[in-house]
Amino acid sequence: MKVFAVWKRWAQRMRAEVQAIYLAYKDPRVPWYARWAAACVVGYALSPVDLIPDFIPVLGYLDDLILIPLGVALVLKLIPPAVLAEYREKVQGLL
């Protein structure tokens, strides 16, 4: 049961980070390459086309569980820290 609690907290934190990225995407202080990377990550997450098709047991969802968080981490590194901190605070206020 403890594992599920850890996963739940991780998923909530990931959700908050994605919301902060979404808000920061529109900010003119964010460089074009960070916007491009954010669009690619969101596009891959929402796309029905995957590297490994989802109908393949275990491996189908494993690529989503690895690639999307890595993409989010990359985008978080590309967004200027001051801008990211501002939008993280906004997301915390909304939650």
N, C-alpha and C. Protein backbone atom coordinates (compact mmCIF):
# COMPACT_ATOMS: atom_id res chain seq x y z
N MET A 1 0.81 -1.20 0.00
CA MET A 1 0.00 0.00 0.00
C MET A 1 0.85 1.27 0.00
N LYS A 2 2.01 1.17 0.61
CA LYS A 2 2.88 2.34 0.68
C LYS A 2 3.38 2.75 -0.71
N VAL A 3 3.57 1.76 -1.57
CA VAL A 3 4.03 2.03 -2.94
C VAL A 3 2.99 2.86 -3.68
N PHE A 4 1.73 2.53 -3.49
CA PHE A 4 0.67 3.27 -4.17
C PHE A 4 0.61 4.72 -3.69
N ALA A 5 0.87 4.95 -2.42
CA ALA A 5 0.89 6.31 -1.88
C ALA A 5 2.04 7.12 -2.50
N VAL A 6 3.18 6.47 -2.68
CA VAL A 6 4.32 7.14 -3.31
C VAL A 6 4.00 7.46 -4.76
N TRP A 7 3.40 6.51 -5.47
CA TRP A 7 3.03 6.75 -6.87
C TRP A 7 1.99 7.86 -6.99
N LYS A 8 1.07 7.88 -6.05
CA LYS A 8 0.02 8.91 -6.08
C LYS A 8 0.63 10.30 -5.88
N ARG A 9 1.55 10.42 -4.93
CA ARG A 9 2.23 11.72 -4.72
C ARG A 9 3.04 12.11 -5.94
N TRP A 10 3.73 11.15 -6.54
CA TRP A 10 4.52 11.42 -7.75
C TRP A 10 3.62 11.89 -8.88
N ALA A 11 2.48 11.24 -9.05
CA ALA A 11 1.54 11.62 -10.12
C ALA A 11 0.97 13.03 -9.86
N GLN A 12 0.68 13.34 -8.63
CA GLN A 12 0.18 14.69 -8.30
C GLN A 12 1.25 15.74 -8.57
N ARG A 13 2.48 15.44 -8.23
CA ARG A 13 3.57 16.37 -8.48
C ARG A 13 3.79 16.55 -9.99
N MET A 14 3.70 15.45 -10.74
CA MET A 14 3.86 15.51 -12.19
C MET A 14 2.73 16.34 -12.80
N ARG A 15 1.54 16.18 -12.29
CA ARG A 15 0.40 16.96 -12.79
C ARG A 15 0.63 18.45 -12.56
N ALA A 16 1.10 18.80 -11.37
CA ALA A 16 1.37 20.21 -11.07
C ALA A 16 2.47 20.76 -11.97
N GLU A 17 3.50 19.96 -12.23
CA GLU A 17 4.59 20.41 -13.10
C GLU A 17 4.09 20.63 -14.54
N VAL A 18 3.25 19.72 -15.01
CA VAL A 18 2.72 19.86 -16.37
C VAL A 18 1.84 21.10 -16.46
N GLN A 19 1.07 21.39 -15.43
CA GLN A 19 0.26 22.61 -15.43
C GLN A 19 1.14 23.85 -15.44
N ALA A 20 2.23 23.82 -14.68
CA ALA A 20 3.15 24.95 -14.67
C ALA A 20 3.80 25.13 -16.05
N ILE A 21 4.14 24.03 -16.70
CA ILE A 21 4.71 24.10 -18.05
C ILE A 21 3.69 24.70 -19.01
N TYR A 22 2.45 24.28 -18.90
CA TYR A 22 1.39 24.80 -19.77
C TYR A 22 1.26 26.32 -19.60
N LEU A 23 1.27 26.79 -18.37
CA LEU A 23 1.15 28.23 -18.13
C LEU A 23 2.40 28.97 -18.61
N ALA A 24 3.56 28.39 -18.39
CA ALA A 24 4.81 29.04 -18.80
C ALA A 24 4.98 29.05 -20.31
N TYR A 25 4.37 28.10 -21.00
CA TYR A 25 4.48 28.01 -22.45
C TYR A 25 4.06 29.31 -23.13
N LYS A 26 3.09 29.95 -22.57
CA LYS A 26 2.55 31.18 -23.17
C LYS A 26 3.36 32.43 -22.82
N ASP A 27 4.27 32.31 -21.87
CA ASP A 27 5.03 33.47 -21.41
C ASP A 27 6.11 33.85 -22.41
N PRO A 28 6.21 35.13 -22.77
CA PRO A 28 7.23 35.54 -23.75
C PRO A 28 8.67 35.43 -23.24
N ARG A 29 8.86 35.26 -21.95
CA ARG A 29 10.21 35.11 -21.40
C ARG A 29 10.79 33.71 -21.62
N VAL A 30 9.94 32.79 -22.04
CA VAL A 30 10.39 31.41 -22.27
C VAL A 30 10.97 31.33 -23.67
N PRO A 31 12.19 30.80 -23.82
CA PRO A 31 12.82 30.71 -25.15
C PRO A 31 12.06 29.79 -26.10
N TRP A 32 12.27 30.02 -27.37
CA TRP A 32 11.55 29.25 -28.40
C TRP A 32 11.82 27.77 -28.31
N TYR A 33 13.06 27.38 -27.98
CA TYR A 33 13.40 25.96 -27.94
C TYR A 33 12.71 25.25 -26.77
N ALA A 34 12.45 25.97 -25.68
CA ALA A 34 11.71 25.37 -24.57
C ALA A 34 10.24 25.18 -24.97
N ARG A 35 9.70 26.14 -25.71
CA ARG A 35 8.32 26.02 -26.20
C ARG A 35 8.22 24.84 -27.17
N TRP A 36 9.20 24.73 -28.04
CA TRP A 36 9.20 23.64 -29.01
C TRP A 36 9.26 22.29 -28.30
N ALA A 37 10.12 22.16 -27.30
CA ALA A 37 10.24 20.91 -26.55
C ALA A 37 8.95 20.60 -25.81
N ALA A 38 8.33 21.63 -25.23
CA ALA A 38 7.06 21.43 -24.53
C ALA A 38 5.98 20.96 -25.49
N ALA A 39 5.92 21.54 -26.66
CA ALA A 39 4.93 21.13 -27.66
C ALA A 39 5.17 19.68 -28.09
N CYS A 40 6.43 19.29 -28.24
CA CYS A 40 6.74 17.91 -28.62
C CYS A 40 6.32 16.92 -27.54
N VAL A 41 6.58 17.25 -26.29
CA VAL A 41 6.21 16.36 -25.18
C VAL A 41 4.69 16.21 -25.11
N VAL A 42 3.99 17.33 -25.18
CA VAL A 42 2.52 17.28 -25.12
C VAL A 42 1.98 16.53 -26.34
N GLY A 43 2.56 16.80 -27.50
CA GLY A 43 2.13 16.12 -28.71
C GLY A 43 2.32 14.62 -28.62
N TYR A 44 3.46 14.18 -28.08
CA TYR A 44 3.71 12.75 -27.93
C TYR A 44 2.74 12.14 -26.91
N ALA A 45 2.50 12.86 -25.83
CA ALA A 45 1.61 12.35 -24.79
C ALA A 45 0.18 12.18 -25.31
N LEU A 46 -0.26 13.08 -26.16
CA LEU A 46 -1.63 13.03 -26.65
C LEU A 46 -1.78 12.27 -27.96
N SER A 47 -0.68 11.96 -28.61
CA SER A 47 -0.72 11.30 -29.91
C SER A 47 -1.11 9.83 -29.78
N PRO A 48 -1.92 9.35 -30.72
CA PRO A 48 -2.24 7.92 -30.70
C PRO A 48 -1.08 7.07 -31.23
N VAL A 49 -0.07 7.68 -31.82
CA VAL A 49 1.08 6.97 -32.36
C VAL A 49 2.18 6.95 -31.28
N ASP A 50 2.65 5.76 -30.94
CA ASP A 50 3.69 5.59 -29.93
C ASP A 50 4.91 4.91 -30.53
N LEU A 51 6.03 5.03 -29.83
CA LEU A 51 7.23 4.31 -30.24
C LEU A 51 6.98 2.80 -30.19
N ILE A 52 6.39 2.36 -29.09
CA ILE A 52 6.00 0.97 -28.93
C ILE A 52 4.48 0.97 -28.76
N PRO A 53 3.73 0.29 -29.63
CA PRO A 53 2.26 0.32 -29.54
C PRO A 53 1.75 -0.17 -28.19
N ASP A 54 0.67 0.44 -27.71
CA ASP A 54 0.13 0.13 -26.39
C ASP A 54 -0.44 -1.28 -26.27
N PHE A 55 -0.78 -1.92 -27.38
CA PHE A 55 -1.35 -3.26 -27.29
C PHE A 55 -0.32 -4.33 -26.95
N ILE A 56 0.97 -4.00 -27.00
CA ILE A 56 2.02 -4.94 -26.59
C ILE A 56 2.08 -4.94 -25.07
N PRO A 57 1.85 -6.09 -24.44
CA PRO A 57 1.79 -6.13 -22.97
C PRO A 57 3.04 -5.54 -22.32
N VAL A 58 2.86 -4.79 -21.30
CA VAL A 58 3.87 -4.15 -20.45
C VAL A 58 4.70 -3.12 -21.22
N LEU A 59 5.35 -3.51 -22.28
CA LEU A 59 6.24 -2.61 -23.02
C LEU A 59 5.47 -1.45 -23.65
N GLY A 60 4.21 -1.68 -24.00
CA GLY A 60 3.42 -0.64 -24.65
C GLY A 60 3.23 0.58 -23.78
N TYR A 61 3.04 0.37 -22.49
CA TYR A 61 2.86 1.50 -21.59
C TYR A 61 4.17 1.95 -20.96
N LEU A 62 5.16 1.08 -21.01
CA LEU A 62 6.45 1.41 -20.41
C LEU A 62 7.11 2.58 -21.11
N ASP A 63 6.98 2.68 -22.43
CA ASP A 63 7.59 3.81 -23.12
C ASP A 63 6.93 5.13 -22.70
N ASP A 64 5.62 5.10 -22.46
CA ASP A 64 4.95 6.31 -21.98
C ASP A 64 5.40 6.67 -20.57
N LEU A 65 5.59 5.66 -19.73
CA LEU A 65 6.00 5.91 -18.35
C LEU A 65 7.44 6.41 -18.25
N ILE A 66 8.22 6.20 -19.29
CA ILE A 66 9.62 6.65 -19.27
C ILE A 66 9.81 7.93 -20.08
N LEU A 67 9.31 7.95 -21.31
CA LEU A 67 9.57 9.08 -22.20
C LEU A 67 8.88 10.37 -21.78
N ILE A 68 7.65 10.28 -21.34
CA ILE A 68 6.93 11.50 -20.97
C ILE A 68 7.55 12.18 -19.75
N PRO A 69 7.83 11.46 -18.65
CA PRO A 69 8.51 12.13 -17.53
C PRO A 69 9.90 12.68 -17.90
N LEU A 70 10.63 11.97 -18.77
CA LEU A 70 11.93 12.50 -19.21
C LEU A 70 11.75 13.78 -20.03
N GLY A 71 10.72 13.80 -20.86
CA GLY A 71 10.43 15.01 -21.64
C GLY A 71 10.03 16.17 -20.75
N VAL A 72 9.23 15.89 -19.75
CA VAL A 72 8.83 16.94 -18.79
C VAL A 72 10.06 17.46 -18.06
N ALA A 73 10.94 16.56 -17.64
CA ALA A 73 12.17 16.98 -16.95
C ALA A 73 13.03 17.86 -17.86
N LEU A 74 13.13 17.51 -19.13
CA LEU A 74 13.90 18.32 -20.07
C LEU A 74 13.30 19.72 -20.20
N VAL A 75 11.99 19.79 -20.38
CA VAL A 75 11.33 21.09 -20.53
C VAL A 75 11.51 21.93 -19.26
N LEU A 76 11.43 21.30 -18.09
CA LEU A 76 11.63 22.03 -16.84
C LEU A 76 13.03 22.63 -16.76
N LYS A 77 14.01 21.92 -17.31
CA LYS A 77 15.39 22.45 -17.31
C LYS A 77 15.56 23.60 -18.31
N LEU A 78 14.76 23.60 -19.38
CA LEU A 78 14.90 24.63 -20.41
C LEU A 78 14.19 25.94 -20.07
N ILE A 79 13.18 25.86 -19.22
CA ILE A 79 12.45 27.08 -18.83
C ILE A 79 13.27 27.83 -17.79
N PRO A 80 13.41 29.15 -17.93
CA PRO A 80 14.16 29.92 -16.94
C PRO A 80 13.60 29.71 -15.52
N PRO A 81 14.48 29.54 -14.52
CA PRO A 81 14.03 29.25 -13.16
C PRO A 81 13.06 30.27 -12.57
N ALA A 82 13.27 31.55 -12.85
CA ALA A 82 12.39 32.57 -12.29
C ALA A 82 10.97 32.43 -12.86
N VAL A 83 10.88 32.17 -14.14
CA VAL A 83 9.57 32.00 -14.78
C VAL A 83 8.90 30.75 -14.23
N LEU A 84 9.64 29.67 -14.13
CA LEU A 84 9.09 28.42 -13.63
C LEU A 84 8.61 28.56 -12.19
N ALA A 85 9.38 29.23 -11.36
CA ALA A 85 8.98 29.43 -9.96
C ALA A 85 7.68 30.23 -9.88
N GLU A 86 7.55 31.23 -10.73
CA GLU A 86 6.33 32.04 -10.74
C GLU A 86 5.10 31.19 -11.06
N TYR A 87 5.22 30.34 -12.06
CA TYR A 87 4.08 29.53 -12.46
C TYR A 87 3.84 28.35 -11.53
N ARG A 88 4.87 27.87 -10.88
CA ARG A 88 4.66 26.83 -9.85
C ARG A 88 3.84 27.40 -8.69
N GLU A 89 4.14 28.64 -8.31
CA GLU A 89 3.36 29.28 -7.25
C GLU A 89 1.90 29.45 -7.67
N LYS A 90 1.68 29.85 -8.93
CA LYS A 90 0.32 29.98 -9.42
C LYS A 90 -0.44 28.67 -9.37
N VAL A 91 0.23 27.60 -9.77
CA VAL A 91 -0.41 26.28 -9.74
C VAL A 91 -0.73 25.87 -8.31
N GLN A 92 0.19 26.11 -7.37
CA GLN A 92 -0.06 25.80 -5.98
C GLN A 92 -1.26 26.57 -5.45
N GLY A 93 -1.40 27.82 -5.89
CA GLY A 93 -2.55 28.63 -5.49
C GLY A 93 -3.85 28.08 -6.04
N LEU A 94 -3.78 27.49 -7.25
CA LEU A 94 -4.98 26.92 -7.86
C LEU A 94 -5.37 25.60 -7.21
N LEU A 95 -4.37 24.86 -6.74
CA LEU A 95 -4.66 23.56 -6.10
C LEU A 95 -5.10 23.80 -4.68
